[in-house]
N, C-alpha and C. Protein backbone atom coordinates (compact mmCIF):
# COMPACT_ATOMS: atom_id res chain seq x y z
N UNK A 1 104.56 129.11 122.90
CA UNK A 1 105.32 128.18 122.48
C UNK A 1 104.37 127.32 121.36
N UNK A 2 104.67 126.92 120.64
CA UNK A 2 104.03 126.53 119.64
C UNK A 2 104.31 125.09 119.22
N UNK A 3 103.30 124.31 119.33
CA UNK A 3 103.38 122.77 119.88
C UNK A 3 103.62 122.23 118.50
N UNK A 4 104.20 121.41 118.28
CA UNK A 4 104.53 119.98 117.12
C UNK A 4 103.32 119.78 117.13
N UNK A 5 102.99 119.01 116.08
CA UNK A 5 102.02 117.99 115.47
C UNK A 5 102.38 116.73 115.41
N UNK A 6 101.79 115.61 115.98
CA UNK A 6 102.19 114.50 115.74
C UNK A 6 101.47 113.57 115.63
N UNK A 7 101.77 112.56 114.89
CA UNK A 7 100.55 111.55 114.20
C UNK A 7 101.45 110.32 114.76
N UNK A 8 100.20 109.47 115.59
CA UNK A 8 100.81 107.81 115.69
C UNK A 8 100.01 107.55 114.25
N UNK A 9 100.28 106.20 113.88
CA UNK A 9 99.70 105.71 112.90
C UNK A 9 100.14 104.19 112.96
N UNK A 10 98.77 103.39 112.87
CA UNK A 10 98.86 101.96 112.66
C UNK A 10 97.70 101.52 111.90
N UNK A 11 97.49 100.12 111.90
CA UNK A 11 96.47 99.71 110.88
C UNK A 11 95.19 100.09 111.51
N UNK A 12 94.84 99.66 112.74
CA UNK A 12 93.35 99.67 113.15
C UNK A 12 93.34 100.87 114.25
N UNK A 13 94.17 101.47 114.46
CA UNK A 13 94.12 102.54 115.56
C UNK A 13 93.09 101.70 116.79
N UNK A 14 93.69 100.68 117.39
CA UNK A 14 92.93 99.88 118.29
C UNK A 14 93.92 99.68 119.75
N UNK A 15 95.39 99.84 119.66
CA UNK A 15 96.35 99.40 120.57
C UNK A 15 97.29 100.51 120.81
N UNK A 16 98.40 99.91 119.74
CA UNK A 16 99.68 100.45 119.94
C UNK A 16 99.62 102.30 119.32
N UNK A 17 98.85 102.59 118.59
CA UNK A 17 98.60 104.29 118.29
C UNK A 17 98.12 104.89 119.52
N UNK A 18 97.10 103.99 119.90
CA UNK A 18 96.58 104.91 120.71
C UNK A 18 97.48 105.10 122.43
N UNK A 19 98.22 104.10 122.80
CA UNK A 19 99.31 104.09 123.28
C UNK A 19 99.96 105.25 123.52
N UNK A 20 100.47 105.13 122.35
CA UNK A 20 101.71 105.80 121.99
C UNK A 20 100.75 107.51 121.94
N UNK A 21 99.88 107.94 121.69
CA UNK A 21 99.32 109.09 121.77
C UNK A 21 98.93 109.25 123.18
N UNK A 22 98.44 108.51 123.77
CA UNK A 22 98.24 108.66 125.28
C UNK A 22 99.53 108.88 126.30
N UNK A 23 100.68 108.61 126.00
CA UNK A 23 102.00 108.69 126.72
C UNK A 23 103.01 109.80 126.32
N UNK A 24 102.63 110.42 124.82
CA UNK A 24 103.22 111.45 124.28
C UNK A 24 102.40 112.90 125.08
N UNK A 25 101.02 112.52 125.16
CA UNK A 25 100.17 113.53 125.99
C UNK A 25 100.35 113.69 127.65
N UNK A 26 100.58 112.52 128.22
CA UNK A 26 100.89 112.63 129.55
C UNK A 26 102.40 113.25 129.49
N UNK A 27 103.15 112.96 129.18
CA UNK A 27 104.52 113.32 129.04
C UNK A 27 104.94 114.76 128.17
N UNK A 28 104.41 114.84 127.27
CA UNK A 28 105.10 116.22 126.69
C UNK A 28 103.73 117.35 126.14
N UNK A 29 102.70 117.25 126.76
CA UNK A 29 101.43 117.97 126.08
C UNK A 29 101.82 119.36 125.56
N UNK A 30 102.43 119.79 126.17
CA UNK A 30 103.11 121.26 126.58
C UNK A 30 104.22 121.56 125.09
N UNK A 31 104.79 120.26 124.65
CA UNK A 31 105.24 120.63 123.53
C UNK A 31 104.67 120.32 122.48
N UNK A 32 103.98 119.23 122.24
CA UNK A 32 103.31 118.66 121.51
C UNK A 32 101.82 118.45 121.08
N UNK A 33 101.33 118.70 120.20
CA UNK A 33 99.93 118.34 120.19
C UNK A 33 99.59 117.22 119.39
N UNK A 34 99.12 115.88 119.96
CA UNK A 34 99.18 114.84 119.57
C UNK A 34 97.87 113.98 119.17
N UNK A 35 97.98 113.17 117.83
CA UNK A 35 97.21 112.32 117.25
C UNK A 35 97.27 111.26 117.05
N UNK A 36 96.34 110.45 116.99
CA UNK A 36 96.68 108.81 116.28
C UNK A 36 95.66 108.66 115.46
N UNK A 37 96.08 107.76 114.32
CA UNK A 37 94.65 107.21 113.37
C UNK A 37 95.28 105.98 113.04
N UNK A 38 94.20 105.22 111.95
CA UNK A 38 94.69 103.94 111.37
C UNK A 38 94.29 103.79 110.16
N UNK A 39 94.64 102.83 109.14
CA UNK A 39 94.66 103.15 107.80
C UNK A 39 93.38 102.44 108.16
N UNK A 40 92.54 101.47 108.91
CA UNK A 40 91.52 100.65 108.82
C UNK A 40 90.83 100.90 110.45
N UNK A 41 90.66 101.85 110.68
CA UNK A 41 90.25 101.93 112.29
C UNK A 41 89.27 100.93 112.90
N UNK A 42 89.63 100.16 114.02
CA UNK A 42 88.78 99.50 114.33
C UNK A 42 88.05 99.28 115.70
N UNK A 43 88.15 100.38 116.06
CA UNK A 43 87.95 100.82 117.77
C UNK A 43 88.55 100.33 118.61
N UNK A 44 88.69 100.73 119.55
CA UNK A 44 89.91 100.48 120.97
C UNK A 44 89.69 99.33 121.49
N UNK A 45 90.76 98.37 121.40
CA UNK A 45 90.68 96.92 122.00
C UNK A 45 90.11 97.44 123.73
N UNK A 46 89.81 96.45 124.34
CA UNK A 46 89.40 96.79 125.55
C UNK A 46 90.52 96.77 126.52
N UNK A 47 91.29 95.46 125.95
CA UNK A 47 92.43 95.04 126.66
C UNK A 47 93.96 96.55 126.52
N UNK A 48 93.35 97.12 125.26
CA UNK A 48 94.05 98.46 125.36
C UNK A 48 93.87 99.56 126.66
N UNK A 49 92.50 99.57 126.72
CA UNK A 49 92.22 100.34 127.84
C UNK A 49 92.33 99.95 129.15
N UNK A 50 92.48 98.35 129.39
CA UNK A 50 92.71 98.08 130.45
C UNK A 50 93.87 98.47 130.98
N UNK A 51 95.13 98.01 130.18
CA UNK A 51 96.12 98.04 130.84
C UNK A 51 96.65 99.69 130.79
N UNK A 52 96.07 100.68 129.77
CA UNK A 52 96.62 101.99 130.09
C UNK A 52 95.81 102.49 131.27
N UNK A 53 94.68 101.80 131.84
CA UNK A 53 94.15 102.24 133.07
C UNK A 53 95.17 101.77 133.96
N UNK A 54 95.27 100.63 133.88
CA UNK A 54 96.40 100.42 135.03
C UNK A 54 98.05 100.87 135.30
N UNK A 55 98.37 101.57 134.38
CA UNK A 55 99.49 102.37 133.83
C UNK A 55 99.08 104.11 134.45
N UNK A 56 97.64 104.04 134.82
CA UNK A 56 97.23 105.80 135.62
C UNK A 56 96.95 106.12 134.09
N UNK A 57 96.80 106.02 132.92
CA UNK A 57 96.81 106.67 131.85
C UNK A 57 94.83 106.20 131.49
N UNK A 58 94.33 107.46 131.18
CA UNK A 58 92.94 107.20 130.88
C UNK A 58 92.95 107.23 129.45
N UNK A 59 92.21 106.65 128.46
CA UNK A 59 91.76 106.44 127.07
C UNK A 59 90.38 106.90 127.09
N UNK A 60 89.38 107.54 128.25
CA UNK A 60 88.23 108.15 128.06
C UNK A 60 87.78 108.87 126.97
N UNK A 61 88.62 109.64 126.79
CA UNK A 61 88.29 110.32 125.44
C UNK A 61 88.84 110.46 124.30
N UNK A 62 89.53 109.20 124.08
CA UNK A 62 90.04 108.38 123.00
C UNK A 62 88.79 107.74 122.20
N UNK A 63 89.04 107.69 120.72
CA UNK A 63 88.52 106.93 120.07
C UNK A 63 89.31 106.79 118.98
N UNK A 64 88.60 105.51 117.99
CA UNK A 64 89.46 105.01 116.65
C UNK A 64 89.39 106.18 115.64
N UNK A 65 90.59 106.82 115.10
CA UNK A 65 90.14 107.37 113.59
C UNK A 65 91.11 107.07 112.68
N UNK A 66 90.33 107.67 111.70
CA UNK A 66 90.92 107.33 110.01
C UNK A 66 91.99 108.23 109.51
N UNK A 67 92.91 108.05 109.07
CA UNK A 67 93.82 109.04 108.34
C UNK A 67 92.80 109.56 107.60
N UNK A 68 92.21 109.57 106.96
CA UNK A 68 91.33 110.42 106.25
C UNK A 68 91.03 111.49 107.01
N UNK A 69 90.43 111.18 108.10
CA UNK A 69 89.86 112.49 109.20
C UNK A 69 91.09 113.41 109.67
N UNK A 70 92.53 113.19 109.09
CA UNK A 70 93.45 113.92 109.40
C UNK A 70 94.11 114.43 108.25
N UNK A 71 93.85 114.13 107.13
CA UNK A 71 94.75 114.13 105.44
C UNK A 71 94.59 115.70 105.73
N UNK A 72 94.19 116.85 106.11
CA UNK A 72 94.13 118.47 105.82
C UNK A 72 95.23 119.01 107.31
N UNK A 73 95.60 118.34 108.01
CA UNK A 73 96.68 118.65 108.85
C UNK A 73 97.82 118.60 108.58
N UNK A 74 98.74 119.38 108.98
CA UNK A 74 99.97 119.42 108.77
C UNK A 74 100.75 119.00 110.04
N UNK A 75 101.80 117.97 109.99
CA UNK A 75 102.14 117.43 110.90
C UNK A 75 103.76 117.35 110.66
N UNK A 76 104.24 117.39 111.81
CA UNK A 76 105.91 117.74 111.99
C UNK A 76 106.24 116.31 112.30
N UNK A 77 105.58 115.48 112.55
CA UNK A 77 106.29 113.98 112.67
C UNK A 77 104.97 113.30 112.53
N UNK A 78 105.37 111.99 111.66
CA UNK A 78 104.12 111.10 111.30
C UNK A 78 105.42 109.91 111.71
N UNK A 79 104.66 109.16 112.82
CA UNK A 79 105.35 107.72 113.47
C UNK A 79 104.31 106.38 113.54
N UNK A 80 105.12 106.16 112.12
CA UNK A 80 104.03 104.60 112.22
C UNK A 80 104.69 103.65 113.13
N UNK A 81 103.81 102.97 113.69
CA UNK A 81 104.05 101.75 114.59
C UNK A 81 103.90 100.71 114.79
N UNK A 82 103.51 100.28 113.16
CA UNK A 82 103.28 98.87 112.56
C UNK A 82 103.73 98.54 111.34
N UNK A 83 104.24 97.57 111.25
CA UNK A 83 104.76 97.10 109.82
C UNK A 83 104.06 97.34 108.72
N UNK A 84 102.58 96.90 108.94
CA UNK A 84 101.64 97.14 107.66
C UNK A 84 101.09 98.58 107.42
N UNK A 85 101.09 99.37 108.65
CA UNK A 85 100.81 100.59 108.25
C UNK A 85 102.01 100.99 107.47
N UNK A 86 103.03 100.83 107.84
CA UNK A 86 104.45 101.55 107.29
C UNK A 86 104.54 101.16 105.82
N UNK A 87 104.11 99.90 105.61
CA UNK A 87 104.24 99.57 103.96
C UNK A 87 102.97 99.69 103.20
N UNK A 88 101.63 100.19 104.03
CA UNK A 88 100.47 100.17 102.98
C UNK A 88 99.79 101.62 103.25
N UNK A 89 100.50 102.30 104.03
CA UNK A 89 99.90 103.78 103.91
C UNK A 89 100.59 104.48 102.66
N UNK A 90 99.76 105.27 102.21
CA UNK A 90 100.61 105.86 101.03
C UNK A 90 101.51 106.82 101.34
N UNK A 91 102.53 107.11 100.50
CA UNK A 91 103.90 107.44 100.41
C UNK A 91 103.70 109.26 100.72
N UNK A 92 102.57 109.84 99.99
CA UNK A 92 102.20 110.80 99.76
C UNK A 92 101.96 111.42 101.48
N UNK A 93 100.93 110.49 101.72
CA UNK A 93 100.67 111.36 102.83
C UNK A 93 101.70 111.37 104.23
N UNK A 94 102.79 110.19 103.96
CA UNK A 94 103.90 109.95 104.96
C UNK A 94 105.26 111.12 104.72
N UNK A 95 105.06 111.44 103.50
CA UNK A 95 106.07 112.32 103.19
C UNK A 95 105.62 113.69 103.09
N UNK A 96 104.30 114.02 103.57
CA UNK A 96 103.90 115.31 103.72
C UNK A 96 104.50 115.82 105.00
N UNK A 97 104.73 114.92 106.03
CA UNK A 97 105.21 115.37 107.44
C UNK A 97 106.30 115.91 107.20
N UNK A 98 106.98 116.79 108.28
CA UNK A 98 108.49 116.97 108.09
C UNK A 98 109.43 116.06 108.18
N UNK A 99 109.09 115.00 109.34
CA UNK A 99 109.46 113.82 109.76
C UNK A 99 108.61 112.78 110.06
N UNK A 100 109.24 111.54 109.05
CA UNK A 100 108.29 110.55 109.06
C UNK A 100 109.31 109.15 109.93
N UNK A 101 109.06 108.88 110.83
CA UNK A 101 109.79 108.18 111.41
C UNK A 101 108.76 106.20 111.85
N UNK A 102 109.76 105.45 112.05
CA UNK A 102 109.04 103.74 111.75
C UNK A 102 109.62 103.39 113.05
N UNK A 103 108.56 103.43 114.18
CA UNK A 103 108.95 102.50 115.31
C UNK A 103 108.22 101.01 115.17
N UNK A 104 108.17 99.87 114.89
CA UNK A 104 108.14 98.63 115.02
C UNK A 104 107.53 98.23 116.38
N UNK A 105 106.51 98.33 116.98
CA UNK A 105 106.11 97.02 117.89
C UNK A 105 105.20 96.22 117.51
N UNK A 106 105.35 95.13 118.37
CA UNK A 106 104.31 93.73 117.84
C UNK A 106 102.95 94.16 117.92
N UNK A 107 101.98 93.65 117.26
CA UNK A 107 100.37 93.75 117.62
C UNK A 107 99.97 92.79 118.49
N UNK A 108 99.73 93.61 119.79
CA UNK A 108 99.63 92.65 120.91
C UNK A 108 97.91 92.46 120.83
N UNK A 109 97.32 92.82 119.61
CA UNK A 109 95.74 92.07 119.19
C UNK A 109 96.01 90.81 118.75
N UNK A 110 97.32 90.69 118.34
CA UNK A 110 97.62 89.44 117.67
C UNK A 110 97.74 88.08 118.41
N UNK A 111 98.07 88.46 120.08
CA UNK A 111 98.47 87.48 120.91
C UNK A 111 97.49 86.29 121.15
N UNK A 112 97.95 85.26 121.00
CA UNK A 112 97.18 84.05 121.57
C UNK A 112 97.14 83.73 122.86
N UNK A 113 96.70 83.08 123.01
CA UNK A 113 96.53 82.17 124.24
C UNK A 113 95.21 82.76 125.15
N UNK A 114 95.27 82.69 126.55
CA UNK A 114 94.73 82.42 127.17
C UNK A 114 94.46 84.37 127.54
N UNK A 115 93.57 84.82 128.16
CA UNK A 115 93.04 86.23 128.55
C UNK A 115 94.72 86.79 129.41
N UNK A 116 94.93 86.08 130.13
CA UNK A 116 96.14 86.22 131.21
C UNK A 116 97.51 86.50 130.18
N UNK A 117 97.53 85.49 129.21
CA UNK A 117 98.84 85.76 128.31
C UNK A 117 98.66 87.02 127.55
N UNK A 118 97.03 87.06 127.09
CA UNK A 118 96.93 88.24 126.41
C UNK A 118 97.01 89.76 126.61
N UNK A 119 96.97 89.52 128.17
CA UNK A 119 96.96 90.65 128.82
C UNK A 119 98.31 91.10 129.13
N UNK A 120 99.43 89.85 129.36
CA UNK A 120 101.07 89.87 129.66
C UNK A 120 101.33 90.79 128.38
N UNK A 121 100.89 90.06 127.17
CA UNK A 121 101.39 90.95 125.75
C UNK A 121 101.15 92.20 125.90
N UNK A 122 99.81 92.66 126.27
CA UNK A 122 99.69 94.31 125.92
C UNK A 122 100.23 94.73 126.77
N UNK A 123 100.52 94.47 128.19
CA UNK A 123 101.36 95.12 129.06
C UNK A 123 102.85 95.41 128.42
N UNK A 124 103.33 94.37 128.16
CA UNK A 124 104.60 94.35 127.56
C UNK A 124 104.80 95.52 126.43
N UNK A 125 103.71 95.23 125.39
CA UNK A 125 103.65 96.67 124.23
C UNK A 125 103.78 98.04 124.81
N UNK A 126 102.63 98.13 125.88
CA UNK A 126 102.59 99.03 126.33
C UNK A 126 103.82 99.91 127.02
N UNK A 127 104.65 98.64 128.45
CA UNK A 127 105.71 99.64 128.42
C UNK A 127 106.79 99.74 127.61
N UNK A 128 106.89 98.75 126.42
CA UNK A 128 108.12 99.36 125.03
C UNK A 128 107.82 100.48 124.69
N UNK A 129 106.48 101.05 124.35
CA UNK A 129 105.88 102.20 124.19
C UNK A 129 106.21 103.14 124.78
N UNK A 130 106.17 103.21 125.83
CA UNK A 130 106.44 104.06 127.11
C UNK A 130 107.88 104.29 127.12
N UNK A 131 108.38 103.36 127.38
CA UNK A 131 109.88 103.74 127.48
C UNK A 131 110.36 104.28 125.80
N UNK A 132 110.00 104.07 124.60
CA UNK A 132 110.13 104.50 123.42
C UNK A 132 110.12 106.20 123.40
N UNK A 133 108.83 106.23 123.72
CA UNK A 133 108.24 107.53 123.63
C UNK A 133 109.30 108.59 124.76
N UNK A 134 109.44 108.15 126.08
CA UNK A 134 110.27 108.99 127.15
C UNK A 134 111.62 109.29 126.37
N UNK A 135 112.13 108.21 125.71
CA UNK A 135 113.41 108.26 125.36
C UNK A 135 113.48 109.25 123.96
N UNK A 136 112.43 109.16 123.27
CA UNK A 136 112.15 110.19 122.22
C UNK A 136 112.06 111.71 122.80
N UNK A 137 111.11 112.07 123.50
CA UNK A 137 110.90 113.06 124.28
C UNK A 137 112.40 113.73 124.64
N UNK A 138 113.15 112.64 125.31
CA UNK A 138 114.78 113.28 125.47
C UNK A 138 115.67 113.71 124.56
N UNK A 139 115.19 112.50 123.28
CA UNK A 139 116.22 113.21 122.01
C UNK A 139 116.00 114.23 121.62
N UNK A 140 114.26 114.59 121.55
CA UNK A 140 113.97 115.81 120.76
C UNK A 140 114.43 116.93 121.56
N UNK A 141 114.34 116.73 122.78
CA UNK A 141 114.75 118.37 123.84
C UNK A 141 116.13 118.44 124.33
N UNK A 142 117.06 117.31 123.42
CA UNK A 142 118.21 117.61 123.85
C UNK A 142 119.11 119.01 123.55
């Protein structure tokens, strides 16, 4: 079975797109070859790694990548997970995919407050992304 290439795109490839990549790999790696990238890669946020580990999903083999590293790849889906990437990614790149989707999630790295409050925001966004991935897989396989 040929797996479809999916790219999750955000600005820094530090949180949301990394989470989405990891969850899609966890739930449907037999159907999808999954990538993530950012417009301006910033490295993976340590809180991203922490909350994903809490969910039993390791990001050990993940690193922050640029869309420039993936320009030559053909994607069945490019899914932007933040408004900045949706607004600033070159349209020619987005239109090269068979389907372009926009799933807006708040940026957990922008959370203010104590470490506990920031962790709660990361957990909330993680759970929203996991729910969206599971729902999307069901829709794609329906």
